[in-house]
């Protein structure tokens, strides 16, 4: 599936990110879909002042509710309000 066909520049999405230093730590973050500045024919996620190519490596959800449900399913946490940045 081509992620670049699912989303459009300007959309706000939600991603589940793992902490690279502690694999058992993850949270849901809001990100913007933008044109990739290094390859304008592709899309990127703008997150934490950085651009990340929009690929299947990211767990991307169109709504906060979908991201919350996926987070709960993956990590078994019933109350994740404190995890949003």
PDB file of N, CA and C in Angstrom:
ATOM      1  N   UNK A   1       0.842  -1.178   0.000  1.00  0.00           N
ATOM      2  CA  UNK A   1       0.000   0.000   0.000  1.00  0.00           C
ATOM      3  C   UNK A   1       0.889   1.243   0.000  1.00  0.00           C
ATOM      4  N   UNK A   2       0.601   2.174  -0.870  1.00  0.00           N
ATOM      5  CA  UNK A   2       1.380   3.403  -0.970  1.00  0.00           C
ATOM      6  C   UNK A   2       0.790   4.453  -0.034  1.00  0.00           C
ATOM      7  N   UNK A   3       1.505   4.741   1.044  1.00  0.00           N
ATOM      8  CA  UNK A   3       1.041   5.708   2.040  1.00  0.00           C
ATOM      9  C   UNK A   3       0.842   7.094   1.418  1.00  0.00           C
ATOM     10  N   UNK A   4       1.585   7.390   0.351  1.00  0.00           N
ATOM     11  CA  UNK A   4       1.495   8.701  -0.285  1.00  0.00           C
ATOM     12  C   UNK A   4       0.164   8.901  -1.003  1.00  0.00           C
ATOM     13  N   UNK A   5      -0.569   7.830  -1.244  1.00  0.00           N
ATOM     14  CA  UNK A   5      -1.880   7.953  -1.876  1.00  0.00           C
ATOM     15  C   UNK A   5      -3.007   8.022  -0.849  1.00  0.00           C
ATOM     16  N   UNK A   6      -2.710   7.678   0.409  1.00  0.00           N
ATOM     17  CA  UNK A   6      -3.734   7.691   1.446  1.00  0.00           C
ATOM     18  C   UNK A   6      -3.922   9.061   2.091  1.00  0.00           C
ATOM     19  N   UNK A   7      -2.890   9.876   2.071  1.00  0.00           N
ATOM     20  CA  UNK A   7      -2.920  11.155   2.780  1.00  0.00           C
ATOM     21  C   UNK A   7      -2.591  12.303   1.842  1.00  0.00           C
ATOM     22  N   UNK A   8      -2.909  13.510   2.285  1.00  0.00           N
ATOM     23  CA  UNK A   8      -2.686  14.711   1.482  1.00  0.00           C
ATOM     24  C   UNK A   8      -1.990  15.775   2.325  1.00  0.00           C
ATOM     25  N   UNK A   9      -1.160  16.621   1.698  1.00  0.00           N
ATOM     26  CA  UNK A   9      -0.503  17.695   2.443  1.00  0.00           C
ATOM     27  C   UNK A   9      -1.530  18.537   3.195  1.00  0.00           C
ATOM     28  N   UNK A  10      -1.193  18.858   4.420  1.00  0.00           N
ATOM     29  CA  UNK A  10      -2.067  19.674   5.256  1.00  0.00           C
ATOM     30  C   UNK A  10      -2.908  18.864   6.231  1.00  0.00           C
ATOM     31  N   UNK A  11      -2.988  17.560   6.028  1.00  0.00           N
ATOM     32  CA  UNK A  11      -3.750  16.720   6.950  1.00  0.00           C
ATOM     33  C   UNK A  11      -3.010  16.582   8.278  1.00  0.00           C
ATOM     34  N   UNK A  12      -3.776  16.499   9.350  1.00  0.00           N
ATOM     35  CA  UNK A  12      -3.234  16.200  10.673  1.00  0.00           C
ATOM     36  C   UNK A  12      -3.534  14.735  10.936  1.00  0.00           C
ATOM     37  N   UNK A  13      -2.512  14.000  11.335  1.00  0.00           N
ATOM     38  CA  UNK A  13      -2.645  12.577  11.623  1.00  0.00           C
ATOM     39  C   UNK A  13      -2.052  12.303  13.004  1.00  0.00           C
ATOM     40  N   UNK A  14      -2.220  11.089  13.450  1.00  0.00           N
ATOM     41  CA  UNK A  14      -1.693  10.677  14.748  1.00  0.00           C
ATOM     42  C   UNK A  14      -0.829   9.446  14.538  1.00  0.00           C
ATOM     43  N   UNK A  15       0.329   9.431  15.173  1.00  0.00           N
ATOM     44  CA  UNK A  15       1.262   8.316  15.017  1.00  0.00           C
ATOM     45  C   UNK A  15       1.624   7.761  16.390  1.00  0.00           C
ATOM     46  N   UNK A  16       1.896   6.465  16.417  1.00  0.00           N
ATOM     47  CA  UNK A  16       2.394   5.839  17.633  1.00  0.00           C
ATOM     48  C   UNK A  16       3.898   5.739  17.474  1.00  0.00           C
ATOM     49  N   UNK A  17       4.602   6.376  18.381  1.00  0.00           N
ATOM     50  CA  UNK A  17       6.069   6.383  18.319  1.00  0.00           C
ATOM     51  C   UNK A  17       6.653   5.634  19.495  1.00  0.00           C
ATOM     52  N   UNK A  18       7.628   4.816  19.208  1.00  0.00           N
ATOM     53  CA  UNK A  18       8.388   4.155  20.270  1.00  0.00           C
ATOM     54  C   UNK A  18       9.606   4.998  20.586  1.00  0.00           C
ATOM     55  N   UNK A  19       9.967   4.994  21.834  1.00  0.00           N
ATOM     56  CA  UNK A  19      11.180   5.665  22.271  1.00  0.00           C
ATOM     57  C   UNK A  19      12.363   4.824  21.794  1.00  0.00           C
ATOM     58  N   UNK A  20      13.288   5.387  21.022  1.00  0.00           N
ATOM     59  CA  UNK A  20      14.405   4.587  20.504  1.00  0.00           C
ATOM     60  C   UNK A  20      15.349   4.086  21.596  1.00  0.00           C
ATOM     61  N   UNK A  21      15.283   4.700  22.775  1.00  0.00           N
ATOM     62  CA  UNK A  21      16.173   4.306  23.862  1.00  0.00           C
ATOM     63  C   UNK A  21      15.524   3.326  24.835  1.00  0.00           C
ATOM     64  N   UNK A  22      14.187   3.206  24.758  1.00  0.00           N
ATOM     65  CA  UNK A  22      13.452   2.296  25.635  1.00  0.00           C
ATOM     66  C   UNK A  22      12.280   1.730  24.835  1.00  0.00           C
ATOM     67  N   UNK A  23      12.466   0.565  24.251  1.00  0.00           N
ATOM     68  CA  UNK A  23      11.474   0.010  23.335  1.00  0.00           C
ATOM     69  C   UNK A  23      10.123  -0.280  23.983  1.00  0.00           C
ATOM     70  N   UNK A  24      10.066  -0.345  25.298  1.00  0.00           N
ATOM     71  CA  UNK A  24       8.785  -0.582  25.940  1.00  0.00           C
ATOM     72  C   UNK A  24       8.048   0.721  26.256  1.00  0.00           C
ATOM     73  N   UNK A  25       8.574   1.847  25.780  1.00  0.00           N
ATOM     74  CA  UNK A  25       7.947   3.147  25.983  1.00  0.00           C
ATOM     75  C   UNK A  25       7.495   3.677  24.629  1.00  0.00           C
ATOM     76  N   UNK A  26       6.222   4.043  24.554  1.00  0.00           N
ATOM     77  CA  UNK A  26       5.669   4.591  23.316  1.00  0.00           C
ATOM     78  C   UNK A  26       4.603   5.601  23.680  1.00  0.00           C
ATOM     79  N   UNK A  27       4.267   6.451  22.724  1.00  0.00           N
ATOM     80  CA  UNK A  27       3.177   7.390  22.934  1.00  0.00           C
ATOM     81  C   UNK A  27       2.559   7.788  21.608  1.00  0.00           C
ATOM     82  N   UNK A  28       1.410   8.423  21.701  1.00  0.00           N
ATOM     83  CA  UNK A  28       0.700   8.905  20.526  1.00  0.00           C
ATOM     84  C   UNK A  28       1.067  10.371  20.336  1.00  0.00           C
ATOM     85  N   UNK A  29       1.444  10.723  19.124  1.00  0.00           N
ATOM     86  CA  UNK A  29       1.827  12.093  18.809  1.00  0.00           C
ATOM     87  C   UNK A  29       1.046  12.586  17.604  1.00  0.00           C
ATOM     88  N   UNK A  30       0.729  13.856  17.610  1.00  0.00           N
ATOM     89  CA  UNK A  30       0.088  14.483  16.457  1.00  0.00           C
ATOM     90  C   UNK A  30       1.182  14.884  15.467  1.00  0.00           C
ATOM     91  N   UNK A  31       0.920  14.693  14.179  1.00  0.00           N
ATOM     92  CA  UNK A  31       1.886  15.058  13.140  1.00  0.00           C
ATOM     93  C   UNK A  31       1.138  15.667  11.964  1.00  0.00           C
ATOM     94  N   UNK A  32       1.833  16.459  11.191  1.00  0.00           N
ATOM     95  CA  UNK A  32       1.262  17.046   9.984  1.00  0.00           C
ATOM     96  C   UNK A  32       1.817  16.327   8.767  1.00  0.00           C
ATOM     97  N   UNK A  33       0.955  16.086   7.790  1.00  0.00           N
ATOM     98  CA  UNK A  33       1.393  15.525   6.515  1.00  0.00           C
ATOM     99  C   UNK A  33       1.796  16.699   5.627  1.00  0.00           C
ATOM    100  N   UNK A  34       3.015  16.650   5.099  1.00  0.00           N
ATOM    101  CA  UNK A  34       3.551  17.733   4.274  1.00  0.00           C
ATOM    102  C   UNK A  34       4.278  17.135   3.073  1.00  0.00           C
ATOM    103  N   UNK A  35       4.593  17.971   2.100  1.00  0.00           N
ATOM    104  CA  UNK A  35       5.455  17.516   1.004  1.00  0.00           C
ATOM    105  C   UNK A  35       6.859  17.338   1.555  1.00  0.00           C
ATOM    106  N   UNK A  36       7.492  16.271   1.155  1.00  0.00           N
ATOM    107  CA  UNK A  36       8.837  15.975   1.622  1.00  0.00           C
ATOM    108  C   UNK A  36       9.797  17.003   1.021  1.00  0.00           C
ATOM    109  N   UNK A  37      10.481  17.794   1.846  1.00  0.00           N
ATOM    110  CA  UNK A  37      11.382  18.817   1.302  1.00  0.00           C
ATOM    111  C   UNK A  37      12.559  18.242   0.528  1.00  0.00           C
ATOM    112  N   UNK A  38      12.911  16.991   0.789  1.00  0.00           N
ATOM    113  CA  UNK A  38      14.013  16.355   0.070  1.00  0.00           C
ATOM    114  C   UNK A  38      13.543  15.675  -1.214  1.00  0.00           C
ATOM    115  N   UNK A  39      12.244  15.403  -1.317  1.00  0.00           N
ATOM    116  CA  UNK A  39      11.675  14.767  -2.500  1.00  0.00           C
ATOM    117  C   UNK A  39      10.227  15.235  -2.633  1.00  0.00           C
ATOM    118  N   UNK A  40       9.984  16.393  -3.277  1.00  0.00           N
ATOM    119  CA  UNK A  40       8.649  16.987  -3.327  1.00  0.00           C
ATOM    120  C   UNK A  40       7.559  16.120  -3.960  1.00  0.00           C
ATOM    121  N   UNK A  41       7.927  15.050  -4.649  1.00  0.00           N
ATOM    122  CA  UNK A  41       6.905  14.164  -5.207  1.00  0.00           C
ATOM    123  C   UNK A  41       6.392  13.174  -4.159  1.00  0.00           C
ATOM    124  N   UNK A  42       7.019  13.156  -3.001  1.00  0.00           N
ATOM    125  CA  UNK A  42       6.634  12.270  -1.902  1.00  0.00           C
ATOM    126  C   UNK A  42       6.123  13.086  -0.720  1.00  0.00           C
ATOM    127  N   UNK A  43       5.429  12.413   0.192  1.00  0.00           N
ATOM    128  CA  UNK A  43       4.943  13.068   1.395  1.00  0.00           C
ATOM    129  C   UNK A  43       5.836  12.723   2.581  1.00  0.00           C
ATOM    130  N   UNK A  44       5.737  13.558   3.608  1.00  0.00           N
ATOM    131  CA  UNK A  44       6.497  13.339   4.829  1.00  0.00           C
ATOM    132  C   UNK A  44       5.612  13.679   6.016  1.00  0.00           C
ATOM    133  N   UNK A  45       6.020  13.198   7.177  1.00  0.00           N
ATOM    134  CA  UNK A  45       5.391  13.590   8.433  1.00  0.00           C
ATOM    135  C   UNK A  45       6.268  14.657   9.057  1.00  0.00           C
ATOM    136  N   UNK A  46       5.659  15.748   9.487  1.00  0.00           N
ATOM    137  CA  UNK A  46       6.401  16.788  10.208  1.00  0.00           C
ATOM    138  C   UNK A  46       6.072  16.596  11.672  1.00  0.00           C
ATOM    139  N   UNK A  47       7.098  16.223  12.438  1.00  0.00           N
ATOM    140  CA  UNK A  47       6.920  15.825  13.825  1.00  0.00           C
ATOM    141  C   UNK A  47       8.159  16.204  14.613  1.00  0.00           C
ATOM    142  N   UNK A  48       7.986  16.872  15.725  1.00  0.00           N
ATOM    143  CA  UNK A  48       9.110  17.283  16.570  1.00  0.00           C
ATOM    144  C   UNK A  48      10.137  18.102  15.779  1.00  0.00           C
ATOM    145  N   UNK A  49       9.641  19.008  14.945  1.00  0.00           N
ATOM    146  CA  UNK A  49      10.501  19.905  14.158  1.00  0.00           C
ATOM    147  C   UNK A  49      11.383  19.161  13.158  1.00  0.00           C
ATOM    148  N   UNK A  50      11.002  17.935  12.802  1.00  0.00           N
ATOM    149  CA  UNK A  50      11.755  17.140  11.828  1.00  0.00           C
ATOM    150  C   UNK A  50      10.799  16.569  10.789  1.00  0.00           C
ATOM    151  N   UNK A  51      11.347  16.225   9.633  1.00  0.00           N
ATOM    152  CA  UNK A  51      10.595  15.592   8.559  1.00  0.00           C
ATOM    153  C   UNK A  51      10.959  14.109   8.510  1.00  0.00           C
ATOM    154  N   UNK A  52       9.933  13.274   8.405  1.00  0.00           N
ATOM    155  CA  UNK A  52      10.127  11.837   8.292  1.00  0.00           C
ATOM    156  C   UNK A  52       9.358  11.362   7.071  1.00  0.00           C
ATOM    157  N   UNK A  53       9.986  10.615   6.167  1.00  0.00           N
ATOM    158  CA  UNK A  53       9.252  10.116   4.997  1.00  0.00           C
ATOM    159  C   UNK A  53       8.011   9.344   5.446  1.00  0.00           C
ATOM    160  N   UNK A  54       6.912   9.567   4.782  1.00  0.00           N
ATOM    161  CA  UNK A  54       5.661   8.878   5.107  1.00  0.00           C
ATOM    162  C   UNK A  54       5.719   7.472   4.527  1.00  0.00           C
ATOM    163  N   UNK A  55       6.055   6.521   5.384  1.00  0.00           N
ATOM    164  CA  UNK A  55       6.184   5.125   4.967  1.00  0.00           C
ATOM    165  C   UNK A  55       5.391   4.242   5.915  1.00  0.00           C
ATOM    166  N   UNK A  56       5.315   2.976   5.574  1.00  0.00           N
ATOM    167  CA  UNK A  56       4.610   2.010   6.411  1.00  0.00           C
ATOM    168  C   UNK A  56       5.356   1.716   7.716  1.00  0.00           C
ATOM    169  N   UNK A  57       6.545   2.268   7.879  1.00  0.00           N
ATOM    170  CA  UNK A  57       7.283   2.093   9.127  1.00  0.00           C
ATOM    171  C   UNK A  57       6.602   2.806  10.284  1.00  0.00           C
ATOM    172  N   UNK A  58       5.757   3.782   9.980  1.00  0.00           N
ATOM    173  CA  UNK A  58       5.034   4.527  11.004  1.00  0.00           C
ATOM    174  C   UNK A  58       3.624   3.984  11.129  1.00  0.00           C
ATOM    175  N   UNK A  59       3.154   3.875  12.351  1.00  0.00           N
ATOM    176  CA  UNK A  59       1.752   3.529  12.606  1.00  0.00           C
ATOM    177  C   UNK A  59       0.981   4.845  12.548  1.00  0.00           C
ATOM    178  N   UNK A  60       0.341   5.116  11.413  1.00  0.00           N
ATOM    179  CA  UNK A  60      -0.339   6.389  11.163  1.00  0.00           C
ATOM    180  C   UNK A  60      -1.848   6.174  11.203  1.00  0.00           C
ATOM    181  N   UNK A  61      -2.545   7.065  11.908  1.00  0.00           N
ATOM    182  CA  UNK A  61      -3.998   6.977  12.037  1.00  0.00           C
ATOM    183  C   UNK A  61      -4.618   8.333  11.729  1.00  0.00           C
ATOM    184  N   UNK A  62      -5.743   8.323  11.032  1.00  0.00           N
ATOM    185  CA  UNK A  62      -6.366   9.597  10.658  1.00  0.00           C
ATOM    186  C   UNK A  62      -7.052  10.320  11.811  1.00  0.00           C
ATOM    187  N   UNK A  63      -7.375   9.603  12.891  1.00  0.00           N
ATOM    188  CA  UNK A  63      -8.027  10.260  14.025  1.00  0.00           C
ATOM    189  C   UNK A  63      -7.327   9.888  15.326  1.00  0.00           C
ATOM    190  N   UNK A  64      -7.498  10.745  16.289  1.00  0.00           N
ATOM    191  CA  UNK A  64      -6.926  10.498  17.608  1.00  0.00           C
ATOM    192  C   UNK A  64      -7.564   9.257  18.247  1.00  0.00           C
ATOM    193  N   UNK A  65      -8.863   9.076  18.030  1.00  0.00           N
ATOM    194  CA  UNK A  65      -9.558   7.919  18.584  1.00  0.00           C
ATOM    195  C   UNK A  65      -9.018   6.604  18.055  1.00  0.00           C
ATOM    196  N   UNK A  66      -8.735   6.552  16.758  1.00  0.00           N
ATOM    197  CA  UNK A  66      -8.167   5.336  16.176  1.00  0.00           C
ATOM    198  C   UNK A  66      -6.778   5.065  16.738  1.00  0.00           C
ATOM    199  N   UNK A  67      -5.995   6.116  16.907  1.00  0.00           N
ATOM    200  CA  UNK A  67      -4.651   5.955  17.467  1.00  0.00           C
ATOM    201  C   UNK A  67      -4.736   5.483  18.918  1.00  0.00           C
ATOM    202  N   UNK A  68      -5.664   6.034  19.682  1.00  0.00           N
ATOM    203  CA  UNK A  68      -5.844   5.621  21.075  1.00  0.00           C
ATOM    204  C   UNK A  68      -6.213   4.141  21.149  1.00  0.00           C
ATOM    205  N   UNK A  69      -7.157   3.715  20.302  1.00  0.00           N
ATOM    206  CA  UNK A  69      -7.589   2.316  20.304  1.00  0.00           C
ATOM    207  C   UNK A  69      -6.433   1.390  19.944  1.00  0.00           C
ATOM    208  N   UNK A  70      -5.646   1.759  18.941  1.00  0.00           N
ATOM    209  CA  UNK A  70      -4.500   0.938  18.533  1.00  0.00           C
ATOM    210  C   UNK A  70      -3.457   0.884  19.646  1.00  0.00           C
ATOM    211  N   UNK A  71      -3.244   2.012  20.303  1.00  0.00           N
ATOM    212  CA  UNK A  71      -2.291   2.069  21.411  1.00  0.00           C
ATOM    213  C   UNK A  71      -2.727   1.131  22.527  1.00  0.00           C
ATOM    214  N   UNK A  72      -4.006   1.206  22.890  1.00  0.00           N
ATOM    215  CA  UNK A  72      -4.523   0.351  23.960  1.00  0.00           C
ATOM    216  C   UNK A  72      -4.408  -1.121  23.598  1.00  0.00           C
ATOM    217  N   UNK A  73      -4.695  -1.440  22.334  1.00  0.00           N
ATOM    218  CA  UNK A  73      -4.594  -2.837  21.890  1.00  0.00           C
ATOM    219  C   UNK A  73      -3.145  -3.327  21.935  1.00  0.00           C
ATOM    220  N   UNK A  74      -2.228  -2.478  21.509  1.00  0.00           N
ATOM    221  CA  UNK A  74      -0.817  -2.878  21.440  1.00  0.00           C
ATOM    222  C   UNK A  74      -0.138  -2.903  22.804  1.00  0.00           C
ATOM    223  N   UNK A  75      -0.493  -1.936  23.668  1.00  0.00           N
ATOM    224  CA  UNK A  75       0.235  -1.798  24.926  1.00  0.00           C
ATOM    225  C   UNK A  75      -0.599  -2.131  26.151  1.00  0.00           C
ATOM    226  N   UNK A  76      -1.897  -2.406  25.964  1.00  0.00           N
ATOM    227  CA  UNK A  76      -2.739  -2.813  27.077  1.00  0.00           C
ATOM    228  C   UNK A  76      -2.942  -1.754  28.131  1.00  0.00           C
ATOM    229  N   UNK A  77      -2.879  -0.507  27.739  1.00  0.00           N
ATOM    230  CA  UNK A  77      -3.052   0.594  28.674  1.00  0.00           C
ATOM    231  C   UNK A  77      -4.456   1.120  28.520  1.00  0.00           C
ATOM    232  N   UNK A  78      -5.188   1.211  29.621  1.00  0.00           N
ATOM    233  CA  UNK A  78      -6.570   1.656  29.532  1.00  0.00           C
ATOM    234  C   UNK A  78      -6.712   3.160  29.678  1.00  0.00           C
ATOM    235  N   UNK A  79      -5.759   3.828  30.303  1.00  0.00           N
ATOM    236  CA  UNK A  79      -5.849   5.274  30.473  1.00  0.00           C
ATOM    237  C   UNK A  79      -4.564   5.902  29.936  1.00  0.00           C
ATOM    238  N   UNK A  80      -4.634   6.480  28.724  1.00  0.00           N
ATOM    239  CA  UNK A  80      -3.415   6.979  28.096  1.00  0.00           C
ATOM    240  C   UNK A  80      -3.398   8.493  27.988  1.00  0.00           C
ATOM    241  N   UNK A  81      -4.287   9.178  28.697  1.00  0.00           N
ATOM    242  CA  UNK A  81      -4.359  10.631  28.560  1.00  0.00           C
ATOM    243  C   UNK A  81      -3.028  11.297  28.838  1.00  0.00           C
ATOM    244  N   UNK A  82      -2.240  10.776  29.751  1.00  0.00           N
ATOM    245  CA  UNK A  82      -0.976  11.407  30.089  1.00  0.00           C
ATOM    246  C   UNK A  82       0.120  11.183  29.077  1.00  0.00           C
ATOM    247  N   UNK A  83      -0.136  10.431  28.010  1.00  0.00           N
ATOM    248  CA  UNK A  83       0.906  10.101  27.057  1.00  0.00           C
ATOM    249  C   UNK A  83       0.964  11.060  25.876  1.00  0.00           C
ATOM    250  N   UNK A  84       0.042  11.998  25.758  1.00  0.00           N
ATOM    251  CA  UNK A  84       0.029  12.889  24.593  1.00  0.00           C
ATOM    252  C   UNK A  84       1.016  14.015  24.784  1.00  0.00           C
ATOM    253  N   UNK A  85       1.746  14.332  23.697  1.00  0.00           N
ATOM    254  CA  UNK A  85       2.741  15.411  23.760  1.00  0.00           C
ATOM    255  C   UNK A  85       2.289  16.602  23.005  1.00  0.00           C
TER     256      UNK A  85
END
